[in-house]
Amino acid sequence: MKKFCCVVLALLPLTAFAYPIDVQKDLNGMKIDYETYDTDNDIGSIRVANYGDVDASCRAVFSNGPEAPRTRSIDVPAGKHKNATAKFTREIIKLRIKLTCTPK
């Protein structure tokens, strides 16, 4: 019985599920980098980092299938980073993010 319990506990990390995230970017020549996170099964987030010398005004549009897209505006100062998060009412199967950044 102890061996069976050990096997079940060892297999628990295999049950974690991550959904794919596609990012379409329009950075207008700015030195912007991003990193996406699957925070929860109905929450997605993006971390936008500005490595340039000019402040950036970014807009992230989160899309999850048939639900209405969620738009988040982010002002990212030069040399800093900011996060944007979107929560949906349904479980995310595939998240699409359109990231558009312009100089301020």
N, C-alpha and C. Protein backbone atom coordinates (compact mmCIF):
# COMPACT_ATOMS: atom_id res chain seq x y z
N MET A 1 0.82 -1.19 0.00
CA MET A 1 0.00 0.00 0.00
C MET A 1 0.86 1.26 0.00
N LYS A 2 1.98 1.22 0.74
CA LYS A 2 2.87 2.37 0.78
C LYS A 2 3.48 2.64 -0.59
N LYS A 3 3.82 1.58 -1.31
CA LYS A 3 4.39 1.74 -2.66
C LYS A 3 3.36 2.38 -3.59
N PHE A 4 2.11 1.95 -3.48
CA PHE A 4 1.05 2.52 -4.31
C PHE A 4 0.87 4.01 -4.05
N CYS A 5 0.87 4.38 -2.77
CA CYS A 5 0.74 5.81 -2.41
C CYS A 5 1.91 6.63 -2.93
N CYS A 6 3.10 6.07 -2.86
CA CYS A 6 4.29 6.78 -3.38
C CYS A 6 4.19 7.00 -4.88
N VAL A 7 3.68 6.00 -5.60
CA VAL A 7 3.53 6.12 -7.05
C VAL A 7 2.50 7.19 -7.38
N VAL A 8 1.39 7.21 -6.68
CA VAL A 8 0.35 8.21 -6.92
C VAL A 8 0.88 9.61 -6.64
N LEU A 9 1.59 9.78 -5.55
CA LEU A 9 2.16 11.09 -5.23
C LEU A 9 3.21 11.52 -6.25
N ALA A 10 3.96 10.58 -6.79
CA ALA A 10 4.98 10.90 -7.79
C ALA A 10 4.35 11.35 -9.11
N LEU A 11 3.15 10.87 -9.40
CA LEU A 11 2.48 11.22 -10.66
C LEU A 11 1.68 12.52 -10.59
N LEU A 12 1.50 13.10 -9.42
CA LEU A 12 0.72 14.33 -9.28
C LEU A 12 1.24 15.50 -10.13
N PRO A 13 2.55 15.74 -10.22
CA PRO A 13 3.00 16.86 -11.06
C PRO A 13 2.64 16.68 -12.53
N LEU A 14 2.39 15.47 -12.98
CA LEU A 14 2.03 15.24 -14.38
C LEU A 14 0.61 15.72 -14.70
N THR A 15 -0.18 16.00 -13.68
CA THR A 15 -1.56 16.42 -13.91
C THR A 15 -1.66 17.92 -14.17
N ALA A 16 -0.58 18.67 -14.02
CA ALA A 16 -0.61 20.12 -14.28
C ALA A 16 -0.86 20.35 -15.77
N PHE A 17 -1.68 21.33 -16.09
CA PHE A 17 -2.04 21.61 -17.47
C PHE A 17 -1.71 23.06 -17.80
N ALA A 18 -0.98 23.25 -18.87
CA ALA A 18 -0.66 24.60 -19.33
C ALA A 18 -1.25 24.77 -20.73
N TYR A 19 -1.85 25.91 -20.98
CA TYR A 19 -2.42 26.17 -22.28
C TYR A 19 -1.43 26.97 -23.13
N PRO A 20 -1.51 26.84 -24.46
CA PRO A 20 -0.59 27.58 -25.32
C PRO A 20 -0.98 29.06 -25.39
N ILE A 21 0.04 29.90 -25.50
CA ILE A 21 -0.17 31.35 -25.61
C ILE A 21 0.55 31.85 -26.86
N ASP A 22 -0.20 32.45 -27.76
CA ASP A 22 0.37 33.04 -28.97
C ASP A 22 0.39 34.55 -28.81
N VAL A 23 1.51 35.18 -29.18
CA VAL A 23 1.64 36.63 -29.09
C VAL A 23 1.92 37.19 -30.47
N GLN A 24 1.09 38.13 -30.88
CA GLN A 24 1.31 38.89 -32.11
C GLN A 24 1.79 40.27 -31.68
N LYS A 25 2.98 40.65 -32.11
CA LYS A 25 3.57 41.90 -31.61
C LYS A 25 3.77 42.92 -32.71
N ASP A 26 3.56 44.17 -32.34
CA ASP A 26 3.84 45.32 -33.19
C ASP A 26 4.54 46.33 -32.30
N LEU A 27 5.88 46.30 -32.32
CA LEU A 27 6.67 47.07 -31.37
C LEU A 27 7.18 48.40 -31.91
N ASN A 28 6.96 48.68 -33.18
CA ASN A 28 7.35 49.95 -33.80
C ASN A 28 8.82 50.28 -33.58
N GLY A 29 9.69 49.29 -33.66
CA GLY A 29 11.13 49.50 -33.55
C GLY A 29 11.63 49.76 -32.15
N MET A 30 10.80 49.61 -31.15
CA MET A 30 11.22 49.86 -29.76
C MET A 30 11.89 48.62 -29.18
N LYS A 31 12.71 48.83 -28.17
CA LYS A 31 13.40 47.73 -27.50
C LYS A 31 12.52 47.19 -26.38
N ILE A 32 11.52 46.43 -26.78
CA ILE A 32 10.53 45.87 -25.86
C ILE A 32 10.67 44.35 -25.87
N ASP A 33 10.60 43.76 -24.70
CA ASP A 33 10.59 42.31 -24.57
C ASP A 33 9.36 41.93 -23.74
N TYR A 34 8.89 40.72 -23.90
CA TYR A 34 7.71 40.29 -23.15
C TYR A 34 7.89 38.85 -22.70
N GLU A 35 7.12 38.49 -21.69
CA GLU A 35 7.09 37.13 -21.18
C GLU A 35 5.65 36.83 -20.78
N THR A 36 5.13 35.70 -21.22
CA THR A 36 3.74 35.35 -20.93
C THR A 36 3.68 34.30 -19.82
N TYR A 37 2.56 34.32 -19.10
CA TYR A 37 2.33 33.39 -18.00
C TYR A 37 0.91 32.84 -18.07
N ASP A 38 0.77 31.56 -17.80
CA ASP A 38 -0.56 30.95 -17.64
C ASP A 38 -0.83 30.87 -16.15
N THR A 39 -1.30 31.96 -15.60
CA THR A 39 -1.47 32.13 -14.17
C THR A 39 -2.44 31.11 -13.57
N ASP A 40 -3.59 30.93 -14.21
CA ASP A 40 -4.59 29.98 -13.75
C ASP A 40 -5.32 29.46 -14.98
N ASN A 41 -6.25 28.55 -14.81
CA ASN A 41 -6.94 28.01 -15.99
C ASN A 41 -7.86 29.02 -16.66
N ASP A 42 -8.17 30.15 -16.00
CA ASP A 42 -8.99 31.18 -16.63
C ASP A 42 -8.34 32.57 -16.55
N ILE A 43 -7.05 32.63 -16.20
CA ILE A 43 -6.33 33.90 -16.10
C ILE A 43 -5.03 33.81 -16.89
N GLY A 44 -4.79 34.80 -17.73
CA GLY A 44 -3.54 34.89 -18.47
C GLY A 44 -2.88 36.23 -18.20
N SER A 45 -1.56 36.28 -18.28
CA SER A 45 -0.86 37.54 -18.02
C SER A 45 0.37 37.66 -18.90
N ILE A 46 0.81 38.91 -19.05
CA ILE A 46 1.99 39.21 -19.83
C ILE A 46 2.82 40.24 -19.06
N ARG A 47 4.12 40.06 -19.08
CA ARG A 47 5.06 41.00 -18.46
C ARG A 47 5.80 41.69 -19.59
N VAL A 48 5.69 43.01 -19.65
CA VAL A 48 6.30 43.80 -20.72
C VAL A 48 7.47 44.57 -20.14
N ALA A 49 8.66 44.40 -20.71
CA ALA A 49 9.87 45.08 -20.25
C ALA A 49 10.35 46.04 -21.33
N ASN A 50 10.70 47.25 -20.93
CA ASN A 50 11.17 48.28 -21.85
C ASN A 50 12.67 48.47 -21.63
N TYR A 51 13.48 48.04 -22.60
CA TYR A 51 14.93 48.16 -22.51
C TYR A 51 15.46 49.39 -23.26
N GLY A 52 14.58 50.20 -23.78
CA GLY A 52 14.98 51.38 -24.53
C GLY A 52 15.18 52.59 -23.64
N ASP A 53 15.44 53.73 -24.29
CA ASP A 53 15.66 55.00 -23.59
C ASP A 53 14.41 55.87 -23.56
N VAL A 54 13.35 55.43 -24.23
CA VAL A 54 12.12 56.21 -24.35
C VAL A 54 10.98 55.46 -23.67
N ASP A 55 10.13 56.18 -22.94
CA ASP A 55 8.95 55.56 -22.32
C ASP A 55 8.04 55.00 -23.41
N ALA A 56 7.34 53.92 -23.09
CA ALA A 56 6.46 53.26 -24.05
C ALA A 56 5.03 53.22 -23.54
N SER A 57 4.10 53.33 -24.47
CA SER A 57 2.69 53.15 -24.18
C SER A 57 2.25 51.90 -24.93
N CYS A 58 1.89 50.87 -24.19
CA CYS A 58 1.56 49.58 -24.81
C CYS A 58 0.10 49.23 -24.57
N ARG A 59 -0.42 48.43 -25.48
CA ARG A 59 -1.78 47.94 -25.39
C ARG A 59 -1.76 46.45 -25.66
N ALA A 60 -2.33 45.67 -24.74
CA ALA A 60 -2.40 44.22 -24.89
C ALA A 60 -3.86 43.82 -25.00
N VAL A 61 -4.19 43.10 -26.06
CA VAL A 61 -5.55 42.61 -26.26
C VAL A 61 -5.52 41.09 -26.08
N PHE A 62 -6.20 40.60 -25.04
CA PHE A 62 -6.26 39.18 -24.73
C PHE A 62 -7.51 38.59 -25.37
N SER A 63 -7.36 37.51 -26.13
CA SER A 63 -8.49 36.84 -26.78
C SER A 63 -8.50 35.36 -26.40
N ASN A 64 -9.69 34.89 -26.04
CA ASN A 64 -9.88 33.48 -25.68
C ASN A 64 -11.13 32.97 -26.38
N GLY A 65 -10.98 32.58 -27.62
CA GLY A 65 -12.10 31.98 -28.35
C GLY A 65 -13.30 32.89 -28.49
N PRO A 66 -14.50 32.38 -28.12
CA PRO A 66 -15.73 33.13 -28.39
C PRO A 66 -15.99 34.29 -27.42
N GLU A 67 -15.23 34.40 -26.35
CA GLU A 67 -15.47 35.49 -25.40
C GLU A 67 -15.00 36.82 -25.96
N ALA A 68 -15.55 37.89 -25.42
CA ALA A 68 -15.13 39.23 -25.84
C ALA A 68 -13.67 39.46 -25.44
N PRO A 69 -12.88 40.08 -26.33
CA PRO A 69 -11.48 40.34 -25.99
C PRO A 69 -11.36 41.32 -24.82
N ARG A 70 -10.32 41.13 -24.03
CA ARG A 70 -10.02 42.02 -22.90
C ARG A 70 -8.83 42.89 -23.29
N THR A 71 -8.97 44.21 -23.19
CA THR A 71 -7.90 45.13 -23.55
C THR A 71 -7.31 45.75 -22.30
N ARG A 72 -5.98 45.74 -22.23
CA ARG A 72 -5.26 46.34 -21.11
C ARG A 72 -4.24 47.33 -21.66
N SER A 73 -4.23 48.55 -21.12
CA SER A 73 -3.25 49.57 -21.49
C SER A 73 -2.18 49.63 -20.42
N ILE A 74 -0.92 49.69 -20.87
CA ILE A 74 0.21 49.70 -19.95
C ILE A 74 1.16 50.82 -20.37
N ASP A 75 1.55 51.66 -19.43
CA ASP A 75 2.60 52.65 -19.65
C ASP A 75 3.87 52.11 -19.01
N VAL A 76 4.88 51.84 -19.84
CA VAL A 76 6.11 51.23 -19.35
C VAL A 76 7.24 52.25 -19.45
N PRO A 77 7.73 52.75 -18.32
CA PRO A 77 8.86 53.69 -18.36
C PRO A 77 10.13 53.02 -18.88
N ALA A 78 11.05 53.82 -19.38
CA ALA A 78 12.31 53.29 -19.89
C ALA A 78 13.07 52.58 -18.78
N GLY A 79 13.56 51.38 -19.10
CA GLY A 79 14.32 50.60 -18.13
C GLY A 79 13.49 49.88 -17.08
N LYS A 80 12.18 49.88 -17.20
CA LYS A 80 11.29 49.24 -16.22
C LYS A 80 10.46 48.16 -16.89
N HIS A 81 9.64 47.49 -16.10
CA HIS A 81 8.70 46.50 -16.63
C HIS A 81 7.38 46.62 -15.91
N LYS A 82 6.30 46.19 -16.58
CA LYS A 82 4.95 46.20 -16.02
C LYS A 82 4.24 44.91 -16.41
N ASN A 83 3.22 44.56 -15.64
CA ASN A 83 2.42 43.36 -15.90
C ASN A 83 1.00 43.74 -16.29
N ALA A 84 0.39 42.91 -17.12
CA ALA A 84 -1.03 43.04 -17.46
C ALA A 84 -1.66 41.66 -17.35
N THR A 85 -2.86 41.61 -16.79
CA THR A 85 -3.55 40.35 -16.55
C THR A 85 -4.98 40.44 -17.04
N ALA A 86 -5.49 39.32 -17.54
CA ALA A 86 -6.89 39.27 -17.97
C ALA A 86 -7.53 37.99 -17.43
N LYS A 87 -8.72 38.14 -16.86
CA LYS A 87 -9.47 37.00 -16.35
C LYS A 87 -10.68 36.78 -17.25
N PHE A 88 -10.91 35.53 -17.59
CA PHE A 88 -12.03 35.15 -18.44
C PHE A 88 -13.05 34.35 -17.64
N THR A 89 -14.26 34.25 -18.17
CA THR A 89 -15.30 33.50 -17.48
C THR A 89 -15.21 32.00 -17.77
N ARG A 90 -14.58 31.65 -18.87
CA ARG A 90 -14.42 30.24 -19.23
C ARG A 90 -12.96 29.83 -19.08
N GLU A 91 -12.75 28.53 -19.06
CA GLU A 91 -11.39 28.00 -19.01
C GLU A 91 -10.69 28.31 -20.33
N ILE A 92 -9.44 28.71 -20.25
CA ILE A 92 -8.67 29.06 -21.45
C ILE A 92 -8.15 27.78 -22.10
N ILE A 93 -8.41 27.63 -23.39
CA ILE A 93 -7.87 26.51 -24.16
C ILE A 93 -6.63 26.98 -24.92
N LYS A 94 -6.73 28.14 -25.55
CA LYS A 94 -5.60 28.76 -26.24
C LYS A 94 -5.77 30.27 -26.12
N LEU A 95 -4.76 30.94 -25.61
CA LEU A 95 -4.81 32.38 -25.40
C LEU A 95 -4.02 33.08 -26.50
N ARG A 96 -4.63 34.11 -27.07
CA ARG A 96 -3.97 34.95 -28.07
C ARG A 96 -3.85 36.35 -27.51
N ILE A 97 -2.64 36.92 -27.60
CA ILE A 97 -2.39 38.27 -27.12
C ILE A 97 -1.82 39.08 -28.27
N LYS A 98 -2.43 40.24 -28.51
CA LYS A 98 -1.90 41.17 -29.50
C LYS A 98 -1.29 42.33 -28.73
N LEU A 99 0.03 42.48 -28.84
CA LEU A 99 0.77 43.50 -28.11
C LEU A 99 1.21 44.59 -29.07
N THR A 100 0.77 45.82 -28.81
CA THR A 100 1.12 46.97 -29.65
C THR A 100 1.76 48.03 -28.75
N CYS A 101 2.97 48.45 -29.09
CA CYS A 101 3.68 49.44 -28.31
C CYS A 101 4.10 50.62 -29.19
N THR A 102 3.95 51.84 -28.64
CA THR A 102 4.36 53.07 -29.33
C THR A 102 5.15 53.93 -28.36
N PRO A 103 6.07 54.75 -28.87
CA PRO A 103 6.79 55.66 -27.97
C PRO A 103 5.86 56.73 -27.43
N LYS A 104 6.12 57.15 -26.22
CA LYS A 104 5.29 58.20 -25.59
C LYS A 104 5.75 59.56 -26.03
